[in-house]
Amino acid sequence: AHARKLGVKVPQELSVAGFADLPEAAVVIPGLTTVRQDPQAIGRRAAQVLLRRIAGASDGDRFEMIQLTPDLAIRESTGPVPA
């Protein structure tokens, strides 16, 4: 059920956050706070790893951790913790 239908006030009583920062997040009311990723950077990095493995320049069995720093798009759906 929607918070509004339950009488819960966003963000005064409930903070809501999403992930991926879809275009709709900025136009809903209240605007949805979301974690924003860079899909081009993710694809570019994945292609680099794949090309290295195809070329034999990487041990394909070795685990490789790749971290890309996301951004937080803060909008009206989140607020401070009530006192």
Protein backbone atom coordinates (compact mmCIF):
# COMPACT_ATOMS: atom_id res chain seq x y z
CA ALA A 1 0.00 0.00 0.00
CA HIS A 2 1.09 3.57 -0.56
CA ALA A 3 2.20 5.59 2.44
CA ARG A 4 -0.25 8.33 1.45
CA LYS A 5 -3.17 5.85 1.47
CA LEU A 6 -2.11 4.77 4.96
CA GLY A 7 -1.97 8.38 6.15
CA VAL A 8 1.82 8.32 6.58
CA LYS A 9 3.51 11.64 5.79
CA VAL A 10 6.63 11.52 3.60
CA PRO A 11 9.24 12.66 4.69
CA GLN A 12 7.94 13.87 8.07
CA GLU A 13 7.10 10.34 9.32
CA LEU A 14 8.80 8.12 6.73
CA SER A 15 11.85 8.69 4.56
CA VAL A 16 11.85 6.86 1.22
CA ALA A 17 14.87 6.28 -1.04
CA GLY A 18 15.30 4.45 -4.32
CA PHE A 19 18.11 3.17 -6.50
CA ALA A 20 19.18 3.89 -10.10
CA ASP A 21 17.80 7.47 -10.33
CA LEU A 22 15.28 6.79 -13.06
CA PRO A 23 13.92 9.97 -14.71
CA GLU A 24 10.58 9.54 -12.91
CA ALA A 25 12.33 9.96 -9.52
CA ALA A 26 12.71 13.70 -10.11
CA VAL A 27 9.11 14.34 -11.18
CA VAL A 28 7.05 12.37 -8.64
CA ILE A 29 5.72 14.24 -5.62
CA PRO A 30 7.60 14.30 -3.35
CA GLY A 31 10.77 13.93 -5.44
CA LEU A 32 12.42 10.58 -4.68
CA THR A 33 15.89 10.54 -3.13
CA THR A 34 17.92 7.94 -5.05
CA VAL A 35 21.35 6.42 -5.43
CA ARG A 36 22.63 7.53 -8.84
CA GLN A 37 24.95 5.24 -10.80
CA ASP A 38 26.89 5.91 -14.00
CA PRO A 39 25.81 3.16 -16.43
CA GLN A 40 28.35 4.28 -19.04
CA ALA A 41 31.21 3.93 -16.53
CA ILE A 42 29.94 0.50 -15.49
CA GLY A 43 29.73 -0.65 -19.13
CA ARG A 44 33.14 0.83 -19.97
CA ARG A 45 34.77 -0.95 -17.02
CA ALA A 46 33.06 -4.26 -17.84
CA ALA A 47 34.24 -4.01 -21.46
CA GLN A 48 37.82 -3.32 -20.32
CA VAL A 49 37.81 -6.41 -18.10
CA LEU A 50 36.29 -8.56 -20.86
CA LEU A 51 38.79 -7.37 -23.49
CA ARG A 52 41.71 -8.01 -21.11
CA ARG A 53 40.46 -11.55 -20.49
CA ILE A 54 39.93 -12.23 -24.20
CA ALA A 55 43.47 -11.01 -24.91
CA GLY A 56 44.80 -13.36 -22.22
CA ALA A 57 46.23 -10.48 -20.20
CA SER A 58 44.16 -11.44 -17.16
CA ASP A 59 43.70 -14.63 -15.19
CA GLY A 60 40.03 -15.41 -15.94
CA ASP A 61 39.70 -17.53 -12.80
CA ARG A 62 40.89 -14.78 -10.49
CA PHE A 63 38.25 -12.77 -8.62
CA GLU A 64 38.48 -9.06 -9.30
CA MET A 65 36.66 -6.46 -7.22
CA ILE A 66 35.81 -3.24 -8.97
CA GLN A 67 34.28 -0.34 -7.08
CA LEU A 68 32.62 2.60 -8.77
CA THR A 69 31.49 5.40 -6.49
CA PRO A 70 27.78 6.24 -6.80
CA ASP A 71 26.21 9.63 -6.08
CA LEU A 72 23.24 10.36 -3.87
CA ALA A 73 20.52 12.49 -5.46
CA ILE A 74 18.83 13.99 -2.40
CA ARG A 75 15.26 15.08 -3.02
CA GLU A 76 12.13 15.73 -0.96
CA SER A 77 11.32 12.10 -0.01
CA THR A 78 13.88 12.04 2.81
CA GLY A 79 14.21 14.18 5.88
CA PRO A 80 15.89 14.38 9.25
CA VAL A 81 15.15 11.80 11.93
CA PRO A 82 12.30 13.14 14.11
CA ALA A 83 13.40 14.21 17.59
